[in-house]
PDB file of N, CA and C in Angstrom:
ATOM      1  N   GLY A   1       3.543   0.748  10.157  1.00  0.00           N
ATOM      2  CA  GLY A   1       3.683  -0.513   9.643  1.00  0.00           C
ATOM      3  C   GLY A   1       4.915  -1.214  10.216  1.00  0.00           C
ATOM      4  N   TRP A   2       4.883  -2.454  10.342  1.00  0.00           N
ATOM      5  CA  TRP A   2       6.092  -3.246  10.940  1.00  0.00           C
ATOM      6  C   TRP A   2       6.447  -4.402   9.961  1.00  0.00           C
ATOM      7  N   SER A   3       7.602  -5.010  10.192  1.00  0.00           N
ATOM      8  CA  SER A   3       8.072  -6.051   9.384  1.00  0.00           C
ATOM      9  C   SER A   3       7.318  -7.264   9.706  1.00  0.00           C
ATOM     10  N   ASP A   4       6.359  -7.485  10.622  1.00  0.00           N
ATOM     11  CA  ASP A   4       5.734  -8.521  10.961  1.00  0.00           C
ATOM     12  C   ASP A   4       4.336  -8.499  10.145  1.00  0.00           C
ATOM     13  N   GLY A   5       4.029  -7.360   9.362  1.00  0.00           N
ATOM     14  CA  GLY A   5       2.847  -7.369   8.458  1.00  0.00           C
ATOM     15  C   GLY A   5       1.809  -6.578   9.263  1.00  0.00           C
ATOM     16  N   CYS A   6       2.063  -6.074  10.451  1.00  0.00           N
ATOM     17  CA  CYS A   6       0.860  -5.543  11.268  1.00  0.00           C
ATOM     18  C   CYS A   6       0.808  -3.965  10.914  1.00  0.00           C
ATOM     19  N   ILE A   7      -0.418  -3.438  11.056  1.00  0.00           N
ATOM     20  CA  ILE A   7      -0.455  -1.956  10.925  1.00  0.00           C
ATOM     21  C   ILE A   7      -0.969  -1.648  12.444  1.00  0.00           C
ATOM     22  N   GLN A   8      -0.484  -0.803  13.052  1.00  0.00           N
ATOM     23  CA  GLN A   8      -1.104  -0.219  14.383  1.00  0.00           C
ATOM     24  C   GLN A   8      -1.791   1.032  14.175  1.00  0.00           C
ATOM     25  N   ALA A   9      -2.912   1.195  14.744  1.00  0.00           N
ATOM     26  CA  ALA A   9      -3.662   2.377  14.508  1.00  0.00           C
ATOM     27  C   ALA A   9      -3.783   3.141  15.879  1.00  0.00           C
ATOM     28  N   TYR A  10      -3.552   4.473  15.790  1.00  0.00           N
ATOM     29  CA  TYR A  10      -3.620   5.242  16.971  1.00  0.00           C
ATOM     30  C   TYR A  10      -4.827   6.326  16.680  1.00  0.00           C
ATOM     31  N   LYS A  11      -5.311   6.703  17.784  1.00  0.00           N
ATOM     32  CA  LYS A  11      -6.307   7.633  17.703  1.00  0.00           C
ATOM     33  C   LYS A  11      -5.869   8.886  18.735  1.00  0.00           C
ATOM     34  N   ASN A  12      -5.672  10.006  18.112  1.00  0.00           N
ATOM     35  CA  ASN A  12      -5.460  11.304  18.874  1.00  0.00           C
ATOM     36  C   ASN A  12      -4.195  11.153  19.533  1.00  0.00           C
ATOM     37  N   LYS A  13      -3.141  10.495  19.054  1.00  0.00           N
ATOM     38  CA  LYS A  13      -1.803  10.112  19.539  1.00  0.00           C
ATOM     39  C   LYS A  13      -1.904   9.548  20.945  1.00  0.00           C
ATOM     40  N   PHE A  14      -3.002   9.003  21.348  1.00  0.00           N
ATOM     41  CA  PHE A  14      -3.182   8.217  22.566  1.00  0.00           C
ATOM     42  C   PHE A  14      -2.748   6.809  22.391  1.00  0.00           C
ATOM     43  N   PRO A  15      -2.533   5.860  23.349  1.00  0.00           N
ATOM     44  CA  PRO A  15      -2.086   4.535  23.194  1.00  0.00           C
ATOM     45  C   PRO A  15      -2.797   3.753  22.197  1.00  0.00           C
ATOM     46  N   PHE A  16      -2.044   2.679  21.721  1.00  0.00           N
ATOM     47  CA  PHE A  16      -2.575   1.917  20.694  1.00  0.00           C
ATOM     48  C   PHE A  16      -4.109   1.436  20.906  1.00  0.00           C
ATOM     49  N   THR A  17      -4.778   1.505  19.720  1.00  0.00           N
ATOM     50  CA  THR A  17      -6.225   1.198  19.913  1.00  0.00           C
ATOM     51  C   THR A  17      -6.646  -0.059  18.903  1.00  0.00           C
ATOM     52  N   ARG A  18      -5.843  -0.292  17.876  1.00  0.00           N
ATOM     53  CA  ARG A  18      -6.364  -1.427  17.173  1.00  0.00           C
ATOM     54  C   ARG A  18      -5.064  -1.800  16.396  1.00  0.00           C
ATOM     55  N   GLU A  19      -5.057  -3.062  16.128  1.00  0.00           N
ATOM     56  CA  GLU A  19      -3.937  -3.684  15.304  1.00  0.00           C
ATOM     57  C   GLU A  19      -4.508  -4.503  14.193  1.00  0.00           C
ATOM     58  N   ILE A  20      -4.038  -4.268  13.064  1.00  0.00           N
ATOM     59  CA  ILE A  20      -4.523  -5.074  11.916  1.00  0.00           C
ATOM     60  C   ILE A  20      -3.430  -5.870  11.490  1.00  0.00           C
ATOM     61  N   GLU A  21      -3.609  -7.289  11.415  1.00  0.00           N
ATOM     62  CA  GLU A  21      -2.735  -8.079  10.959  1.00  0.00           C
ATOM     63  C   GLU A  21      -2.901  -8.807   9.733  1.00  0.00           C
ATOM     64  N   ILE A  22      -2.131  -8.831   8.820  1.00  0.00           N
ATOM     65  CA  ILE A  22      -2.283  -9.535   7.372  1.00  0.00           C
ATOM     66  C   ILE A  22      -1.245 -10.707   7.438  1.00  0.00           C
ATOM     67  N   GLN A  23      -1.674 -11.908   7.360  1.00  0.00           N
ATOM     68  CA  GLN A  23      -0.783 -12.941   7.345  1.00  0.00           C
ATOM     69  C   GLN A  23      -0.386 -13.247   5.829  1.00  0.00           C
ATOM     70  N   GLY A  24       0.977 -13.434   5.754  1.00  0.00           N
ATOM     71  CA  GLY A  24       1.533 -13.810   4.491  1.00  0.00           C
ATOM     72  C   GLY A  24       1.706 -12.743   3.465  1.00  0.00           C
ATOM     73  N   GLN A  25       1.520 -11.559   3.904  1.00  0.00           N
ATOM     74  CA  GLN A  25       1.784 -10.328   3.031  1.00  0.00           C
ATOM     75  C   GLN A  25       3.193  -9.907   2.978  1.00  0.00           C
ATOM     76  N   GLY A  26       3.993 -10.349   3.920  1.00  0.00           N
ATOM     77  CA  GLY A  26       5.361  -9.677   4.021  1.00  0.00           C
ATOM     78  C   GLY A  26       5.162  -8.436   5.048  1.00  0.00           C
ATOM     79  N   GLY A  27       6.353  -7.780   5.192  1.00  0.00           N
ATOM     80  CA  GLY A  27       6.378  -6.680   6.172  1.00  0.00           C
ATOM     81  C   GLY A  27       5.686  -5.526   5.459  1.00  0.00           C
ATOM     82  N   CYS A  28       5.226  -4.698   6.259  1.00  0.00           N
ATOM     83  CA  CYS A  28       4.492  -3.319   5.872  1.00  0.00           C
ATOM     84  C   CYS A  28       5.512  -2.323   5.582  1.00  0.00           C
ATOM     85  N   TYR A  29       5.724  -1.905   4.346  1.00  0.00           N
ATOM     86  CA  TYR A  29       6.864  -0.993   3.997  1.00  0.00           C
ATOM     87  C   TYR A  29       6.447   0.603   3.860  1.00  0.00           C
ATOM     88  N   CYS A  30       5.009   0.770   3.754  1.00  0.00           N
ATOM     89  CA  CYS A  30       4.674   2.087   3.647  1.00  0.00           C
ATOM     90  C   CYS A  30       3.109   2.194   3.874  1.00  0.00           C
ATOM     91  N   ILE A  31       2.669   3.436   4.265  1.00  0.00           N
ATOM     92  CA  ILE A  31       1.302   3.610   4.505  1.00  0.00           C
ATOM     93  C   ILE A  31       0.878   4.976   4.005  1.00  0.00           C
ATOM     94  N   ALA A  32      -0.230   5.161   3.324  1.00  0.00           N
ATOM     95  CA  ALA A  32      -0.676   6.344   3.018  1.00  0.00           C
ATOM     96  C   ALA A  32      -2.193   6.638   3.447  1.00  0.00           C
ATOM     97  N   SER A  33      -2.524   7.688   3.816  1.00  0.00           N
ATOM     98  CA  SER A  33      -4.034   7.972   4.236  1.00  0.00           C
ATOM     99  C   SER A  33      -4.658   8.813   3.191  1.00  0.00           C
ATOM    100  N   HIS A  34      -5.856   8.591   2.869  1.00  0.00           N
ATOM    101  CA  HIS A  34      -6.748   9.340   1.974  1.00  0.00           C
ATOM    102  C   HIS A  34      -7.969   9.734   2.882  1.00  0.00           C
ATOM    103  N   ARG A  35      -8.727  10.558   2.208  1.00  0.00           N
ATOM    104  CA  ARG A  35      -9.899  11.073   2.926  1.00  0.00           C
ATOM    105  C   ARG A  35     -10.923  10.009   3.330  1.00  0.00           C
ATOM    106  N   SER A  36     -10.883   8.974   2.469  1.00  0.00           N
ATOM    107  CA  SER A  36     -11.784   7.846   2.704  1.00  0.00           C
ATOM    108  C   SER A  36     -11.128   6.384   3.025  1.00  0.00           C
ATOM    109  N   TYR A  37      -9.805   6.337   2.848  1.00  0.00           N
ATOM    110  CA  TYR A  37      -9.182   5.122   2.878  1.00  0.00           C
ATOM    111  C   TYR A  37      -7.841   5.223   3.605  1.00  0.00           C
ATOM    112  N   VAL A  38      -7.224   4.028   3.987  1.00  0.00           N
ATOM    113  CA  VAL A  38      -5.810   3.895   4.249  1.00  0.00           C
ATOM    114  C   VAL A  38      -5.214   2.814   3.483  1.00  0.00           C
ATOM    115  N   PHE A  39      -4.078   3.160   2.992  1.00  0.00           N
ATOM    116  CA  PHE A  39      -3.504   2.145   1.923  1.00  0.00           C
ATOM    117  C   PHE A  39      -2.057   1.662   2.568  1.00  0.00           C
ATOM    118  N   ALA A  40      -1.971   0.331   2.574  1.00  0.00           N
ATOM    119  CA  ALA A  40      -0.710  -0.161   3.114  1.00  0.00           C
ATOM    120  C   ALA A  40       0.079  -1.084   1.976  1.00  0.00           C
ATOM    121  N   GLY A  41       1.256  -0.645   1.838  1.00  0.00           N
ATOM    122  CA  GLY A  41       2.142  -1.435   0.879  1.00  0.00           C
ATOM    123  C   GLY A  41       3.038  -2.414   1.628  1.00  0.00           C
ATOM    124  N   TYR A  42       3.088  -3.658   0.936  1.00  0.00           N
ATOM    125  CA  TYR A  42       3.677  -4.902   1.609  1.00  0.00           C
ATOM    126  C   TYR A  42       4.870  -5.306   0.702  1.00  0.00           C
ATOM    127  N   GLY A  43       5.710  -6.222   1.280  1.00  0.00           N
ATOM    128  CA  GLY A  43       6.808  -6.773   0.901  1.00  0.00           C
ATOM    129  C   GLY A  43       6.459  -7.732  -0.200  1.00  0.00           C
ATOM    130  N   SER A  44       5.225  -8.180  -0.242  1.00  0.00           N
ATOM    131  CA  SER A  44       4.715  -9.169  -1.279  1.00  0.00           C
ATOM    132  C   SER A  44       4.251  -8.558  -2.528  1.00  0.00           C
ATOM    133  N   SER A  45       4.576  -7.358  -2.685  1.00  0.00           N
ATOM    134  CA  SER A  45       4.069  -6.433  -3.898  1.00  0.00           C
ATOM    135  C   SER A  45       2.665  -6.167  -3.934  1.00  0.00           C
ATOM    136  N   ILE A  46       2.049  -6.393  -2.839  1.00  0.00           N
ATOM    137  CA  ILE A  46       0.452  -6.013  -2.854  1.00  0.00           C
ATOM    138  C   ILE A  46       0.272  -4.796  -2.020  1.00  0.00           C
ATOM    139  N   ILE A  47      -0.745  -3.940  -2.453  1.00  0.00           N
ATOM    140  CA  ILE A  47      -1.308  -2.725  -1.700  1.00  0.00           C
ATOM    141  C   ILE A  47      -2.681  -3.016  -1.180  1.00  0.00           C
ATOM    142  N   VAL A  48      -2.806  -2.815  -0.043  1.00  0.00           N
ATOM    143  CA  VAL A  48      -4.195  -3.189   0.522  1.00  0.00           C
ATOM    144  C   VAL A  48      -4.883  -1.891   0.894  1.00  0.00           C
ATOM    145  N   LYS A  49      -6.149  -1.864   0.389  1.00  0.00           N
ATOM    146  CA  LYS A  49      -7.095  -0.609   0.762  1.00  0.00           C
ATOM    147  C   LYS A  49      -7.882  -1.013   2.043  1.00  0.00           C
ATOM    148  N   TRP A  50      -7.877  -0.207   3.073  1.00  0.00           N
ATOM    149  CA  TRP A  50      -8.615  -0.314   4.277  1.00  0.00           C
ATOM    150  C   TRP A  50      -9.475   0.647   4.514  1.00  0.00           C
ATOM    151  N   HIS A  51     -10.569   0.528   5.397  1.00  0.00           N
ATOM    152  CA  HIS A  51     -11.501   1.452   5.893  1.00  0.00           C
ATOM    153  C   HIS A  51     -10.840   2.015   7.085  1.00  0.00           C
ATOM    154  N   PRO A  52     -10.685   3.218   7.298  1.00  0.00           N
ATOM    155  CA  PRO A  52      -9.937   3.903   8.271  1.00  0.00           C
ATOM    156  C   PRO A  52     -10.483   3.770   9.678  1.00  0.00           C
ATOM    157  N   THR A  53     -11.870   3.519   9.852  1.00  0.00           N
ATOM    158  CA  THR A  53     -12.310   3.413  11.211  1.00  0.00           C
ATOM    159  C   THR A  53     -13.002   2.008  11.564  1.00  0.00           C
ATOM    160  N   LYS A  54     -13.348   1.257  10.525  1.00  0.00           N
ATOM    161  CA  LYS A  54     -14.041  -0.094  10.675  1.00  0.00           C
ATOM    162  C   LYS A  54     -12.837  -1.058  10.697  1.00  0.00           C
ATOM    163  N   TYR A  55     -11.755  -0.740  10.195  1.00  0.00           N
ATOM    164  CA  TYR A  55     -10.516  -1.661  10.025  1.00  0.00           C
ATOM    165  C   TYR A  55     -10.824  -2.858   9.164  1.00  0.00           C
ATOM    166  N   SER A  56     -11.808  -2.598   8.211  1.00  0.00           N
ATOM    167  CA  SER A  56     -12.045  -3.713   7.310  1.00  0.00           C
ATOM    168  C   SER A  56     -11.309  -3.665   6.113  1.00  0.00           C
ATOM    169  N   LYS A  57     -10.888  -4.682   5.375  1.00  0.00           N
ATOM    170  CA  LYS A  57     -10.078  -4.622   4.153  1.00  0.00           C
ATOM    171  C   LYS A  57     -11.075  -4.450   2.954  1.00  0.00           C
ATOM    172  N   LEU A  58     -10.841  -3.552   2.137  1.00  0.00           N
ATOM    173  CA  LEU A  58     -11.749  -3.029   0.985  1.00  0.00           C
ATOM    174  C   LEU A  58     -11.287  -3.517  -0.307  1.00  0.00           C
ATOM    175  N   GLY A  59     -10.073  -4.064  -0.470  1.00  0.00           N
ATOM    176  CA  GLY A  59      -9.510  -4.471  -1.706  1.00  0.00           C
ATOM    177  C   GLY A  59      -8.005  -4.549  -1.752  1.00  0.00           C
ATOM    178  N   ASN A  60      -7.533  -5.087  -2.854  1.00  0.00           N
ATOM    179  CA  ASN A  60      -6.129  -5.248  -3.110  1.00  0.00           C
ATOM    180  C   ASN A  60      -5.715  -4.564  -4.444  1.00  0.00           C
ATOM    181  N   PHE A  61      -4.592  -3.957  -4.532  1.00  0.00           N
ATOM    182  CA  PHE A  61      -3.992  -3.359  -5.738  1.00  0.00           C
ATOM    183  C   PHE A  61      -2.848  -4.484  -6.165  1.00  0.00           C
ATOM    184  N   VAL A  62      -3.168  -5.166  -7.203  1.00  0.00           N
ATOM    185  CA  VAL A  62      -2.170  -6.171  -7.537  1.00  0.00           C
ATOM    186  C   VAL A  62      -1.706  -5.893  -8.934  1.00  0.00           C
ATOM    187  N   GLY A  63      -0.484  -5.921  -9.234  1.00  0.00           N
ATOM    188  CA  GLY A  63       0.107  -5.663 -10.444  1.00  0.00           C
ATOM    189  C   GLY A  63       1.571  -5.325 -10.488  1.00  0.00           C
ATOM    190  N   HIS A  64       2.067  -4.960  -9.408  1.00  0.00           N
ATOM    191  CA  HIS A  64       3.680  -4.863  -9.305  1.00  0.00           C
ATOM    192  C   HIS A  64       4.114  -6.314  -9.342  1.00  0.00           C
ATOM    193  N   THR A  65       5.273  -6.523  -9.977  1.00  0.00           N
ATOM    194  CA  THR A  65       5.842  -7.776 -10.197  1.00  0.00           C
ATOM    195  C   THR A  65       6.055  -8.570  -8.926  1.00  0.00           C
ATOM    196  N   GLN A  66       5.504  -9.666  -8.666  1.00  0.00           N
ATOM    197  CA  GLN A  66       5.601 -10.316  -7.344  1.00  0.00           C
ATOM    198  C   GLN A  66       6.928 -11.216  -7.383  1.00  0.00           C
ATOM    199  N   GLY A  67       7.512 -11.453  -6.247  1.00  0.00           N
ATOM    200  CA  GLY A  67       8.708 -12.264  -6.092  1.00  0.00           C
ATOM    201  C   GLY A  67       9.580 -11.820  -4.970  1.00  0.00           C
ATOM    202  N   SER A  68      10.639 -12.456  -4.930  1.00  0.00           N
ATOM    203  CA  SER A  68      11.573 -12.165  -3.822  1.00  0.00           C
ATOM    204  C   SER A  68      12.149 -10.708  -3.900  1.00  0.00           C
ATOM    205  N   GLY A  69      11.857 -10.022  -2.856  1.00  0.00           N
ATOM    206  CA  GLY A  69      12.490  -8.604  -2.958  1.00  0.00           C
ATOM    207  C   GLY A  69      11.761  -7.648  -3.720  1.00  0.00           C
ATOM    208  N   ALA A  70      10.401  -7.913  -4.010  1.00  0.00           N
ATOM    209  CA  ALA A  70       9.702  -6.988  -4.881  1.00  0.00           C
ATOM    210  C   ALA A  70       8.693  -6.101  -4.100  1.00  0.00           C
ATOM    211  N   ALA A  71       9.142  -5.421  -2.988  1.00  0.00           N
ATOM    212  CA  ALA A  71       8.369  -4.812  -2.127  1.00  0.00           C
ATOM    213  C   ALA A  71       7.856  -3.428  -2.658  1.00  0.00           C
ATOM    214  N   ILE A  72       6.698  -2.971  -2.201  1.00  0.00           N
ATOM    215  CA  ILE A  72       6.157  -1.665  -2.390  1.00  0.00           C
ATOM    216  C   ILE A  72       6.923  -0.764  -1.549  1.00  0.00           C
ATOM    217  N   ARG A  73       7.468   0.216  -2.004  1.00  0.00           N
ATOM    218  CA  ARG A  73       8.352   1.173  -1.424  1.00  0.00           C
ATOM    219  C   ARG A  73       7.751   2.601  -1.067  1.00  0.00           C
ATOM    220  N   ASP A  74       6.715   2.997  -1.852  1.00  0.00           N
ATOM    221  CA  ASP A  74       6.063   4.230  -1.557  1.00  0.00           C
ATOM    222  C   ASP A  74       4.629   4.291  -2.204  1.00  0.00           C
ATOM    223  N   ILE A  75       3.731   5.036  -1.543  1.00  0.00           N
ATOM    224  CA  ILE A  75       2.335   5.166  -2.062  1.00  0.00           C
ATOM    225  C   ILE A  75       2.065   6.637  -1.839  1.00  0.00           C
ATOM    226  N   LYS A  76       1.506   7.260  -2.909  1.00  0.00           N
ATOM    227  CA  LYS A  76       0.897   8.603  -2.882  1.00  0.00           C
ATOM    228  C   LYS A  76      -0.280   8.703  -3.621  1.00  0.00           C
ATOM    229  N   HIS A  77      -1.197   9.654  -3.271  1.00  0.00           N
ATOM    230  CA  HIS A  77      -2.480   9.827  -4.052  1.00  0.00           C
ATOM    231  C   HIS A  77      -2.483  11.450  -4.451  1.00  0.00           C
ATOM    232  N   ASN A  78      -3.450  11.743  -5.185  1.00  0.00           N
ATOM    233  CA  ASN A  78      -3.577  13.036  -5.784  1.00  0.00           C
ATOM    234  C   ASN A  78      -4.797  13.755  -5.180  1.00  0.00           C
ATOM    235  N   ASN A  79      -5.404  13.177  -4.213  1.00  0.00           N
ATOM    236  CA  ASN A  79      -6.685  13.622  -3.268  1.00  0.00           C
ATOM    237  C   ASN A  79      -7.917  13.494  -4.199  1.00  0.00           C
ATOM    238  N   GLU A  80      -7.697  12.875  -5.210  1.00  0.00           N
ATOM    239  CA  GLU A  80      -8.946  12.706  -6.258  1.00  0.00           C
ATOM    240  C   GLU A  80      -9.121  11.127  -6.431  1.00  0.00           C
ATOM    241  N   SER A  81      -8.894  10.707  -7.622  1.00  0.00           N
ATOM    242  CA  SER A  81      -9.063   9.326  -7.988  1.00  0.00           C
ATOM    243  C   SER A  81      -7.943   8.464  -8.221  1.00  0.00           C
ATOM    244  N   SER A  82      -6.846   9.048  -8.144  1.00  0.00           N
ATOM    245  CA  SER A  82      -5.485   8.185  -8.578  1.00  0.00           C
ATOM    246  C   SER A  82      -4.672   7.995  -7.300  1.00  0.00           C
ATOM    247  N   LEU A  83      -4.128   6.686  -7.349  1.00  0.00           N
ATOM    248  CA  LEU A  83      -3.069   6.340  -6.455  1.00  0.00           C
ATOM    249  C   LEU A  83      -1.828   5.958  -7.217  1.00  0.00           C
ATOM    250  N   PHE A  84      -0.643   6.390  -6.765  1.00  0.00           N
ATOM    251  CA  PHE A  84       0.631   6.165  -7.274  1.00  0.00           C
ATOM    252  C   PHE A  84       1.459   5.382  -6.397  1.00  0.00           C
ATOM    253  N   SER A  85       2.057   4.286  -6.769  1.00  0.00           N
ATOM    254  CA  SER A  85       3.093   3.413  -6.159  1.00  0.00           C
ATOM    255  C   SER A  85       4.404   3.074  -6.745  1.00  0.00           C
ATOM    256  N   SER A  86       5.374   2.970  -5.964  1.00  0.00           N
ATOM    257  CA  SER A  86       6.644   2.711  -6.520  1.00  0.00           C
ATOM    258  C   SER A  86       7.104   1.370  -5.959  1.00  0.00           C
ATOM    259  N   ALA A  87       8.039   0.648  -6.416  1.00  0.00           N
ATOM    260  CA  ALA A  87       8.376  -0.681  -5.961  1.00  0.00           C
ATOM    261  C   ALA A  87       9.828  -1.011  -6.290  1.00  0.00           C
ATOM    262  N   ASP A  88      10.186  -2.268  -5.933  1.00  0.00           N
ATOM    263  CA  ASP A  88      11.475  -2.816  -6.300  1.00  0.00           C
ATOM    264  C   ASP A  88      11.396  -3.461  -7.640  1.00  0.00           C
ATOM    265  N   ASP A  89      10.308  -3.456  -8.195  1.00  0.00           N
ATOM    266  CA  ASP A  89      10.231  -4.133  -9.577  1.00  0.00           C
ATOM    267  C   ASP A  89      10.600  -3.006 -10.691  1.00  0.00           C
ATOM    268  N   LYS A  90      11.022  -1.897 -10.260  1.00  0.00           N
ATOM    269  CA  LYS A  90      11.563  -0.685 -11.047  1.00  0.00           C
ATOM    270  C   LYS A  90      10.534   0.046 -11.645  1.00  0.00           C
ATOM    271  N   THR A  91       9.336  -0.104 -11.201  1.00  0.00           N
ATOM    272  CA  THR A  91       8.196   0.655 -11.942  1.00  0.00           C
ATOM    273  C   THR A  91       7.514   1.710 -10.928  1.00  0.00           C
ATOM    274  N   VAL A  92       6.814   2.518 -11.621  1.00  0.00           N
ATOM    275  CA  VAL A  92       5.784   3.355 -10.822  1.00  0.00           C
ATOM    276  C   VAL A  92       4.564   3.104 -11.420  1.00  0.00           C
ATOM    277  N   ARG A  93       3.471   2.750 -10.662  1.00  0.00           N
ATOM    278  CA  ARG A  93       2.175   2.504 -11.081  1.00  0.00           C
ATOM    279  C   ARG A  93       1.051   3.398 -10.764  1.00  0.00           C
ATOM    280  N   ILE A  94       0.130   3.634 -11.599  1.00  0.00           N
ATOM    281  CA  ILE A  94      -0.907   4.573 -11.344  1.00  0.00           C
ATOM    282  C   ILE A  94      -2.221   3.578 -11.319  1.00  0.00           C
ATOM    283  N   TRP A  95      -2.954   3.851 -10.185  1.00  0.00           N
ATOM    284  CA  TRP A  95      -4.284   3.004  -9.952  1.00  0.00           C
ATOM    285  C   TRP A  95      -5.469   3.956  -9.666  1.00  0.00           C
ATOM    286  N   ASP A  96      -6.579   3.347 -10.171  1.00  0.00           N
ATOM    287  CA  ASP A  96      -7.829   3.896  -9.689  1.00  0.00           C
ATOM    288  C   ASP A  96      -8.232   3.624  -8.319  1.00  0.00           C
ATOM    289  N   ILE A  97      -8.397   4.609  -7.571  1.00  0.00           N
ATOM    290  CA  ILE A  97      -8.511   4.365  -5.954  1.00  0.00           C
ATOM    291  C   ILE A  97      -9.867   3.600  -5.749  1.00  0.00           C
ATOM    292  N   GLU A  98     -11.013   3.954  -6.350  1.00  0.00           N
ATOM    293  CA  GLU A  98     -12.186   3.246  -6.043  1.00  0.00           C
ATOM    294  C   GLU A  98     -12.267   1.737  -6.498  1.00  0.00           C
ATOM    295  N   SER A  99     -11.669   1.521  -7.774  1.00  0.00           N
ATOM    296  CA  SER A  99     -11.872  -0.021  -8.424  1.00  0.00           C
ATOM    297  C   SER A  99     -10.617  -0.743  -7.990  1.00  0.00           C
ATOM    298  N   CYS A 100      -9.484  -0.223  -7.500  1.00  0.00           N
ATOM    299  CA  CYS A 100      -8.265  -0.780  -7.416  1.00  0.00           C
ATOM    300  C   CYS A 100      -7.664  -1.383  -8.658  1.00  0.00           C
ATOM    301  N   GLN A 101      -8.114  -0.691  -9.928  1.00  0.00           N
ATOM    302  CA  GLN A 101      -7.550  -1.182 -11.186  1.00  0.00           C
ATOM    303  C   GLN A 101      -6.336  -0.578 -11.512  1.00  0.00           C
ATOM    304  N   LEU A 102      -5.384  -1.235 -12.224  1.00  0.00           N
ATOM    305  CA  LEU A 102      -4.204  -0.600 -12.770  1.00  0.00           C
ATOM    306  C   LEU A 102      -4.577   0.279 -13.898  1.00  0.00           C
ATOM    307  N   LEU A 103      -4.128   1.471 -13.888  1.00  0.00           N
ATOM    308  CA  LEU A 103      -4.339   2.519 -15.060  1.00  0.00           C
ATOM    309  C   LEU A 103      -3.096   2.582 -16.097  1.00  0.00           C
ATOM    310  N   ARG A 104      -1.937   2.516 -15.519  1.00  0.00           N
ATOM    311  CA  ARG A 104      -0.785   2.887 -16.159  1.00  0.00           C
ATOM    312  C   ARG A 104       0.486   2.352 -15.393  1.00  0.00           C
ATOM    313  N   THR A 105       1.379   1.944 -16.155  1.00  0.00           N
ATOM    314  CA  THR A 105       2.730   1.439 -15.707  1.00  0.00           C
ATOM    315  C   THR A 105       3.862   2.279 -16.151  1.00  0.00           C
ATOM    316  N   ILE A 106       4.688   2.802 -15.599  1.00  0.00           N
ATOM    317  CA  ILE A 106       5.787   3.625 -15.989  1.00  0.00           C
ATOM    318  C   ILE A 106       7.080   2.897 -15.740  1.00  0.00           C
ATOM    319  N   ARG A 107       7.868   2.423 -16.862  1.00  0.00           N
ATOM    320  CA  ARG A 107       9.032   1.518 -16.782  1.00  0.00           C
ATOM    321  C   ARG A 107      10.265   2.486 -17.176  1.00  0.00           C
ATOM    322  N   ALA A 108      10.648   3.372 -16.436  1.00  0.00           N
ATOM    323  CA  ALA A 108      11.628   4.163 -16.875  1.00  0.00           C
ATOM    324  C   ALA A 108      13.028   4.364 -15.920  1.00  0.00           C
ATOM    325  N   HIS A 109      13.010   3.175 -15.174  1.00  0.00           N
ATOM    326  CA  HIS A 109      14.049   3.202 -14.192  1.00  0.00           C
ATOM    327  C   HIS A 109      14.850   1.799 -14.289  1.00  0.00           C
ATOM    328  N   SER A 110      16.045   2.100 -13.873  1.00  0.00           N
ATOM    329  CA  SER A 110      16.896   0.808 -13.905  1.00  0.00           C
ATOM    330  C   SER A 110      17.132   0.122 -12.601  1.00  0.00           C
ATOM    331  N   LEU A 111      16.773   0.883 -11.471  1.00  0.00           N
ATOM    332  CA  LEU A 111      16.863   0.376 -10.133  1.00  0.00           C
ATOM    333  C   LEU A 111      15.550   0.459  -9.391  1.00  0.00           C
ATOM    334  N   SER A 112      15.397   0.041  -8.254  1.00  0.00           N
ATOM    335  CA  SER A 112      14.327   0.099  -7.379  1.00  0.00           C
ATOM    336  C   SER A 112      13.717   1.544  -7.310  1.00  0.00           C
ATOM    337  N   VAL A 113      12.545   1.748  -7.377  1.00  0.00           N
ATOM    338  CA  VAL A 113      11.905   3.121  -7.196  1.00  0.00           C
ATOM    339  C   VAL A 113      11.467   3.350  -5.884  1.00  0.00           C
ATOM    340  N   ILE A 114      12.126   4.243  -5.042  1.00  0.00           N
ATOM    341  CA  ILE A 114      11.876   4.475  -3.698  1.00  0.00           C
ATOM    342  C   ILE A 114      11.153   5.747  -3.386  1.00  0.00           C
TER     343      ILE A 114
END
């Protein structure tokens, strides 16, 4: 991911094969891969779910507080059905991977969660 909002995809460590650009999403701060998807967290508080080989956008995870400086800082998954994200809005959120629906918000931090 880059600050220009693009994701660069590489195949077998060879030169650049595909670039995905998302206009207006802010910089791409983190990326996580899953057996079926790639997730990208942006400076605009949005997480985007991508198909890893077709490079098509499959959905958005929307729920982190949007606004200036509310970037997604980290994304993890449990190899099953849950995605975990942390952000500058001082929360950790748990999502359903398939539906992109917010399942739970944890508000136990006084600073950004990285």
